[in-house]
């Protein structure tokens, strides 16, 4: 019998696996076929209870589903590389997007998870303040951004460069495409009431305006 680290759930139509948190400990990822964002939770060491992040939608990923995922994945190895997709009753590895398939950009769930985890605060909430502060800090220290600004680059071009550089560094995937970076930004925007890069983009506009004086 082949031992898998991805399990199927019965509470909802989805699959789940364990992953190792960057901060230590275990986490649970649940993938649904009808949702673009995965459900993410850490596992409390003392009780074994799953603690979903605040941006995980409870209607799509109820606590019962996380409880089942914790039980089914107990003792299984962490899932390391490669994402998964849930298609009906089957589990499939996510394909790598090609130049011929720009309309169906695939984002590896483990890469998206690393970005969410990087910018999750101590309360388990995805923090847009942390995202924007990190982007602004990088932009101010980047010689490439300074050169782009001097050459008259547009705000969108600078924003796209910084997001791409940060996301590739966080995920460890230097081959992350611009389309994938844009897709990840879109996923983050789905849980942001005012736009994930609002403060960062405002800062770029101020810098560009100041440079023209």
Protein backbone atom coordinates (compact mmCIF):
# COMPACT_ATOMS: atom_id res chain seq x y z
CA UNK A 1 0.00 0.00 0.00
CA UNK A 2 1.32 3.45 -0.94
CA UNK A 3 1.55 5.80 2.01
CA UNK A 4 0.35 9.27 1.06
CA UNK A 5 0.63 12.52 2.96
CA UNK A 6 -2.57 13.93 1.40
CA UNK A 7 -5.91 12.71 2.76
CA UNK A 8 -9.54 13.08 1.60
CA UNK A 9 -12.08 14.57 4.01
CA UNK A 10 -15.69 13.50 4.53
CA UNK A 11 -16.99 16.55 6.40
CA UNK A 12 -16.52 18.65 3.25
CA UNK A 13 -15.40 17.77 -0.27
CA UNK A 14 -11.74 18.57 0.10
CA UNK A 15 -8.28 17.17 0.73
CA UNK A 16 -5.83 18.04 3.48
CA UNK A 17 -2.21 17.66 4.45
CA UNK A 18 0.18 18.68 7.21
CA UNK A 19 2.97 21.16 6.72
CA UNK A 20 5.75 22.38 8.95
CA UNK A 21 5.35 25.98 10.09
CA UNK A 22 8.24 28.37 9.46
CA UNK A 23 7.99 29.35 13.12
CA UNK A 24 8.05 25.71 14.28
CA UNK A 25 5.26 23.24 14.98
CA UNK A 26 2.66 21.74 12.65
CA UNK A 27 -0.04 23.22 10.49
CA UNK A 28 -2.95 21.96 8.40
CA UNK A 29 -3.80 22.95 4.83
CA UNK A 30 -7.22 22.12 3.34
CA UNK A 31 -7.82 22.37 -0.41
CA UNK A 32 -11.29 22.63 -1.95
CA UNK A 33 -12.00 22.36 -5.65
CA UNK A 34 -14.47 25.25 -5.55
CA UNK A 35 -12.31 27.79 -3.70
CA UNK A 36 -9.21 29.63 -4.87
CA UNK A 37 -7.82 30.06 -1.34
CA UNK A 38 -6.86 27.12 0.87
CA UNK A 39 -7.96 26.80 4.48
CA UNK A 40 -4.97 27.21 6.80
CA UNK A 41 -4.59 26.41 10.48
CA UNK A 42 -1.85 25.87 13.03
CA UNK A 43 -2.07 22.95 15.47
CA UNK A 44 -1.99 23.79 19.16
CA UNK A 45 0.77 21.73 20.77
CA UNK A 46 -0.97 21.26 24.11
CA UNK A 47 -4.37 20.08 22.88
CA UNK A 48 -3.83 19.12 19.23
CA UNK A 49 -6.64 21.50 18.26
CA UNK A 50 -6.52 23.21 14.87
CA UNK A 51 -6.49 27.02 15.09
CA UNK A 52 -7.54 28.49 11.70
CA UNK A 53 -6.02 31.80 10.62
CA UNK A 54 -8.47 34.70 10.77
CA UNK A 55 -8.52 35.06 7.00
CA UNK A 56 -9.63 31.43 6.54
CA UNK A 57 -13.32 31.50 5.61
CA UNK A 58 -15.28 29.54 8.25
CA UNK A 59 -18.18 28.80 5.89
CA UNK A 60 -15.86 27.07 3.45
CA UNK A 61 -13.57 25.52 6.07
CA UNK A 62 -15.53 24.69 9.26
CA UNK A 63 -13.80 23.66 12.46
CA UNK A 64 -15.13 20.11 12.00
CA UNK A 65 -13.16 19.81 8.76
CA UNK A 66 -9.95 20.87 10.48
CA UNK A 67 -10.61 18.43 13.32
CA UNK A 68 -11.02 15.61 10.82
CA UNK A 69 -7.87 16.70 8.97
CA UNK A 70 -5.86 16.69 12.20
CA UNK A 71 -7.05 13.17 13.02
CA UNK A 72 -6.50 11.74 9.54
CA UNK A 73 -3.02 13.21 9.09
CA UNK A 74 -1.77 12.22 12.55
CA UNK A 75 1.54 10.40 12.09
CA UNK A 76 1.80 11.22 8.40
CA UNK A 77 4.88 13.01 7.02
CA UNK A 78 4.77 16.68 6.16
CA UNK A 79 4.04 17.56 2.56
CA UNK A 80 7.09 19.41 1.29
CA UNK A 81 7.27 20.42 -2.37
CA UNK A 82 4.50 20.79 -4.89
CA UNK A 83 0.88 21.82 -4.46
CA UNK A 84 -2.30 19.84 -4.91
CA UNK A 85 -5.66 20.37 -6.53
CA UNK A 86 -8.91 18.67 -5.52
CA UNK A 87 -10.88 17.50 -8.54
CA UNK A 88 -14.06 15.66 -7.65
CA UNK A 89 -12.96 12.57 -5.75
CA UNK A 90 -9.37 12.67 -6.95
CA UNK A 91 -6.20 14.46 -5.93
CA UNK A 92 -3.86 15.81 -8.60
CA UNK A 93 -0.51 17.56 -8.44
CA UNK A 94 -0.77 21.12 -9.66
CA UNK A 95 0.70 21.50 -13.16
CA UNK A 96 3.29 24.11 -13.98
CA UNK A 97 1.76 26.89 -16.11
CA UNK A 98 3.16 27.43 -19.60
CA UNK A 99 3.36 30.38 -21.94
CA UNK A 100 0.46 28.84 -23.90
CA UNK A 101 -1.87 28.81 -20.87
CA UNK A 102 -1.88 32.35 -19.46
CA UNK A 103 -5.63 32.29 -18.81
CA UNK A 104 -5.33 29.45 -16.28
CA UNK A 105 -2.46 30.54 -14.07
CA UNK A 106 -1.70 27.99 -11.38
CA UNK A 107 -0.37 29.02 -7.98
CA UNK A 108 1.26 26.32 -5.90
CA UNK A 109 -0.68 26.14 -2.64
CA UNK A 110 2.49 25.63 -0.61
CA UNK A 111 3.99 28.83 -2.07
CA UNK A 112 0.86 30.83 -1.32
CA UNK A 113 0.92 29.37 2.18
CA UNK A 114 4.51 30.56 2.76
CA UNK A 115 3.52 34.11 1.83
CA UNK A 116 0.45 34.07 4.09
CA UNK A 117 2.53 32.65 6.94
CA UNK A 118 5.25 35.26 6.44
CA UNK A 119 2.76 38.07 6.94
CA UNK A 120 0.58 36.54 9.66
CA UNK A 121 0.76 38.41 12.96
CA UNK A 122 0.94 37.00 16.50
CA UNK A 123 -2.85 36.78 16.65
CA UNK A 124 -2.96 34.49 13.62
CA UNK A 125 -4.34 37.20 11.36
CA UNK A 126 -3.02 38.05 7.90
CA UNK A 127 -1.58 41.52 8.44
CA UNK A 128 -1.70 43.99 5.57
CA UNK A 129 0.31 46.38 7.71
CA UNK A 130 3.18 43.86 7.79
CA UNK A 131 2.93 43.33 4.03
CA UNK A 132 3.01 47.04 3.22
CA UNK A 133 5.80 47.86 5.69
CA UNK A 134 7.94 45.08 4.22
CA UNK A 135 7.28 46.21 0.64
CA UNK A 136 8.02 49.86 1.48
CA UNK A 137 11.24 48.94 3.30
CA UNK A 138 12.42 46.87 0.34
CA UNK A 139 11.56 49.61 -2.17
CA UNK A 140 13.48 52.25 -0.20
CA UNK A 141 16.58 50.04 -0.01
CA UNK A 142 16.53 48.77 -3.60
CA UNK A 143 18.95 50.27 -6.12
CA UNK A 144 16.81 48.77 -8.89
CA UNK A 145 13.74 50.64 -7.66
CA UNK A 146 15.75 53.86 -7.52
CA UNK A 147 16.90 53.29 -11.09
CA UNK A 148 13.34 52.53 -12.22
CA UNK A 149 12.12 55.72 -10.57
CA UNK A 150 14.88 57.77 -12.23
CA UNK A 151 14.00 56.24 -15.60
CA UNK A 152 10.38 57.29 -15.26
CA UNK A 153 8.83 53.90 -14.49
CA UNK A 154 5.14 53.84 -13.65
CA UNK A 155 3.77 53.00 -10.20
CA UNK A 156 2.36 49.67 -11.44
CA UNK A 157 5.74 48.64 -12.86
CA UNK A 158 7.54 49.36 -9.59
CA UNK A 159 4.84 47.66 -7.53
CA UNK A 160 4.99 44.56 -9.75
CA UNK A 161 8.79 44.40 -9.49
CA UNK A 162 8.82 44.68 -5.69
CA UNK A 163 6.02 42.13 -5.24
CA UNK A 164 7.78 39.72 -7.57
CA UNK A 165 11.12 40.10 -5.82
CA UNK A 166 9.60 39.63 -2.37
CA UNK A 167 7.38 36.68 -3.29
CA UNK A 168 10.20 34.84 -5.06
CA UNK A 169 12.41 35.32 -2.03
CA UNK A 170 9.75 34.19 0.45
CA UNK A 171 8.75 31.10 -1.54
CA UNK A 172 12.30 30.21 -2.53
CA UNK A 173 11.08 29.88 -6.11
CA UNK A 174 13.11 32.12 -8.41
CA UNK A 175 11.04 30.86 -11.37
CA UNK A 176 7.76 32.27 -10.05
CA UNK A 177 6.26 34.01 -13.08
CA UNK A 178 4.86 37.53 -13.19
CA UNK A 179 1.44 35.98 -13.86
CA UNK A 180 1.74 33.85 -10.72
CA UNK A 181 2.81 36.88 -8.67
CA UNK A 182 -0.26 38.74 -9.95
CA UNK A 183 -2.45 35.74 -9.12
CA UNK A 184 -1.11 35.58 -5.56
CA UNK A 185 -1.74 39.31 -5.16
CA UNK A 186 -5.30 38.74 -6.35
CA UNK A 187 -5.81 35.98 -3.79
CA UNK A 188 -4.56 38.23 -1.02
CA UNK A 189 -6.82 41.01 -2.29
CA UNK A 190 -9.86 38.77 -1.85
CA UNK A 191 -9.54 39.06 1.93
CA UNK A 192 -8.46 42.71 1.98
CA UNK A 193 -11.16 45.37 2.36
CA UNK A 194 -9.08 48.11 0.74
CA UNK A 195 -6.47 46.49 -1.48
CA UNK A 196 -3.49 44.54 -0.26
CA UNK A 197 -0.83 47.04 -1.43
CA UNK A 198 -2.73 50.30 -0.79
CA UNK A 199 -0.19 51.90 1.59
CA UNK A 200 2.73 50.64 -0.48
CA UNK A 201 1.30 51.99 -3.73
CA UNK A 202 0.53 55.33 -2.07
CA UNK A 203 4.18 55.52 -0.94
CA UNK A 204 5.41 54.80 -4.48
CA UNK A 205 3.19 57.57 -5.85
CA UNK A 206 4.58 60.02 -3.29
CA UNK A 207 8.14 59.04 -4.20
CA UNK A 208 7.47 59.44 -7.91
CA UNK A 209 5.82 62.83 -7.32
CA UNK A 210 8.73 63.99 -5.17
CA UNK A 211 11.21 62.89 -7.84
CA UNK A 212 9.56 65.10 -10.42
CA UNK A 213 9.99 68.26 -8.35
